[in-house]
Amino acid sequence: MNEAYIRRFLALASARKIPVFWLLPPVLEGIQSQREQNGLDARYAQLISRMQARFPGLTVLDGRHARYAVNVFFDPLHLDRRGAAVLSHDVGQMLERRLSERQGRAQTAWLELPKFRDGPWDAGLEDTTQTILALLSGQKERAR
């Protein structure tokens, strides 16, 4: 079912010449190793490769082996605020570079995200926990 919707989405984007980027986000190395050992990773990569063969111009941004530090994950699959800021920064740079290279041409590519390195990109960002605490604090103020 999911594959059918993916095909429909990619066909629509292709018909309108809209570039599509498929992000494979980083996960903890242990989780990635498990996915590779049990064959899930290979099956997923095959699905994406089939889509690339069918829809030229689909660009994959692969973060599976970007080696994000353990302390930038909220849980084994989700980055925390710092990790998400680094990922967003790197993806933004890759999108900018890729879109300027394309200049109207459909080019298929499978690109590796850069290896993790910490940076100042999370300055001023608020994560979900901080938002909830701020909202709860505001409710207490209104209750007074």
Protein backbone atom coordinates (compact mmCIF):
# COMPACT_ATOMS: atom_id res chain seq x y z
CA MET A 1 0.00 0.00 0.00
CA ASN A 2 2.73 2.49 0.96
CA GLU A 3 4.65 1.72 -2.22
CA ALA A 4 1.59 2.55 -4.33
CA TYR A 5 1.24 5.95 -2.67
CA ILE A 6 4.96 6.61 -3.02
CA ARG A 7 4.72 5.85 -6.75
CA ARG A 8 1.68 8.14 -7.12
CA PHE A 9 3.44 10.97 -5.28
CA LEU A 10 6.63 10.60 -7.33
CA ALA A 11 4.67 10.40 -10.60
CA LEU A 12 2.82 13.61 -9.73
CA ALA A 13 6.05 15.42 -8.81
CA SER A 14 7.76 14.12 -11.94
CA ALA A 15 4.90 15.24 -14.20
CA ARG A 16 5.20 18.73 -12.74
CA LYS A 17 9.03 18.65 -12.83
CA ILE A 18 9.23 19.12 -9.06
CA PRO A 19 12.48 17.82 -7.58
CA VAL A 20 12.04 15.29 -4.79
CA PHE A 21 14.54 14.54 -2.05
CA TRP A 22 14.22 11.34 -0.03
CA LEU A 23 15.92 11.65 3.35
CA LEU A 24 17.25 8.59 5.14
CA PRO A 25 17.86 10.11 8.58
CA PRO A 26 20.56 8.98 10.94
CA VAL A 27 19.66 6.50 13.68
CA LEU A 28 21.81 5.06 16.44
CA GLU A 29 24.58 2.89 15.02
CA GLY A 30 23.30 -0.19 16.86
CA ILE A 31 19.87 0.19 15.28
CA GLN A 32 21.40 0.65 11.84
CA SER A 33 23.52 -2.48 12.34
CA GLN A 34 20.43 -4.47 13.33
CA ARG A 35 18.58 -3.27 10.23
CA GLU A 36 21.50 -4.33 8.06
CA GLN A 37 21.84 -7.73 9.74
CA ASN A 38 18.16 -8.63 9.47
CA GLY A 39 17.88 -7.49 5.84
CA LEU A 40 15.46 -4.59 6.44
CA ASP A 41 18.02 -2.05 5.31
CA ALA A 42 18.72 -3.85 2.03
CA ARG A 43 15.02 -4.20 1.23
CA TYR A 44 14.42 -0.53 1.93
CA ALA A 45 17.40 0.48 -0.23
CA GLN A 46 16.08 -1.73 -3.04
CA LEU A 47 12.68 -0.02 -2.85
CA ILE A 48 14.32 3.38 -3.13
CA SER A 49 16.54 2.22 -6.00
CA ARG A 50 13.46 0.96 -7.87
CA MET A 51 11.84 4.34 -7.39
CA GLN A 52 14.96 6.12 -8.65
CA ALA A 53 15.02 3.89 -11.74
CA ARG A 54 11.40 4.73 -12.45
CA PHE A 55 11.58 8.44 -11.57
CA PRO A 56 14.75 10.16 -12.77
CA GLY A 57 15.55 13.16 -10.69
CA LEU A 58 14.81 11.56 -7.34
CA THR A 59 17.69 12.45 -5.04
CA VAL A 60 18.41 10.43 -1.91
CA LEU A 61 20.11 12.12 1.04
CA ASP A 62 21.53 9.23 3.03
CA GLY A 63 22.32 9.80 6.69
CA ARG A 64 22.38 6.14 7.74
CA HIS A 65 26.15 6.15 8.20
CA ALA A 66 26.69 9.76 9.23
CA ARG A 67 27.75 8.56 12.70
CA TYR A 68 25.69 10.95 14.79
CA ALA A 69 26.80 10.98 18.43
CA VAL A 70 24.72 9.00 20.90
CA ASN A 71 24.09 12.12 22.99
CA VAL A 72 22.19 13.89 20.16
CA PHE A 73 19.37 11.33 20.09
CA PHE A 74 16.12 11.68 22.01
CA ASP A 75 15.62 7.92 21.58
CA PRO A 76 17.27 5.34 19.26
CA LEU A 77 15.39 6.63 16.19
CA HIS A 78 14.83 10.35 16.82
CA LEU A 79 17.32 13.18 17.09
CA ASP A 80 17.09 15.69 19.89
CA ARG A 81 17.16 19.44 19.35
CA ARG A 82 20.94 19.56 18.84
CA GLY A 83 20.99 16.58 16.48
CA ALA A 84 18.03 17.91 14.51
CA ALA A 85 19.73 21.30 14.18
CA VAL A 86 22.89 19.69 12.77
CA LEU A 87 20.84 17.51 10.41
CA SER A 88 18.77 20.51 9.25
CA HIS A 89 21.92 22.53 8.62
CA ASP A 90 23.54 19.76 6.57
CA VAL A 91 20.38 18.93 4.61
CA GLY A 92 19.85 22.63 3.87
CA GLN A 93 23.36 22.95 2.47
CA MET A 94 22.93 19.81 0.37
CA LEU A 95 19.58 21.00 -1.00
CA GLU A 96 20.99 24.38 -1.89
CA ARG A 97 23.98 22.82 -3.67
CA ARG A 98 21.89 20.18 -5.44
CA LEU A 99 19.20 22.58 -6.64
CA SER A 100 21.78 24.99 -8.02
CA GLU A 101 23.54 22.10 -9.85
CA ARG A 102 20.34 20.80 -11.42
CA GLN A 103 19.22 23.97 -13.21
CA GLY A 104 16.22 22.26 -14.78
CA ARG A 105 17.87 18.91 -15.52
CA ALA A 106 16.59 15.75 -13.90
CA GLN A 107 19.57 14.10 -12.25
CA THR A 108 19.28 11.01 -10.11
CA ALA A 109 21.72 10.77 -7.22
CA TRP A 110 22.30 8.95 -3.96
CA LEU A 111 24.26 11.35 -1.75
CA GLU A 112 25.79 10.66 1.66
CA LEU A 113 25.21 13.21 4.41
CA PRO A 114 28.43 14.49 5.96
CA LYS A 115 29.71 12.79 9.09
CA PHE A 116 28.34 14.30 12.29
CA ARG A 117 30.17 17.22 13.81
CA ASP A 118 28.74 19.43 16.46
CA GLY A 119 28.10 23.05 15.69
CA PRO A 120 26.42 26.19 16.94
CA TRP A 121 23.28 25.55 14.87
CA ASP A 122 20.95 24.96 17.81
CA ALA A 123 21.32 28.42 19.33
CA GLY A 124 17.88 29.72 20.20
CA LEU A 125 15.96 26.61 19.18
CA GLU A 126 13.20 25.32 21.42
CA ASP A 127 12.45 21.61 21.64
CA THR A 128 9.10 19.98 22.38
CA THR A 129 9.79 19.59 26.09
CA GLN A 130 10.67 23.26 26.41
CA THR A 131 7.49 24.22 24.56
CA ILE A 132 5.34 22.07 26.86
CA LEU A 133 7.01 23.55 29.96
CA ALA A 134 6.47 27.07 28.64
CA LEU A 135 2.81 26.35 27.92
CA LEU A 136 2.29 24.82 31.34
CA SER A 137 4.00 27.79 32.95
CA GLY A 138 1.66 30.11 31.05
CA GLN A 139 -1.38 28.15 32.25
CA LYS A 140 -0.22 28.55 35.86
CA GLU A 141 0.18 32.29 35.34
CA ARG A 142 -3.33 32.62 33.90
CA ALA A 143 -4.79 30.57 36.78
CA ARG A 144 -3.48 33.05 39.32
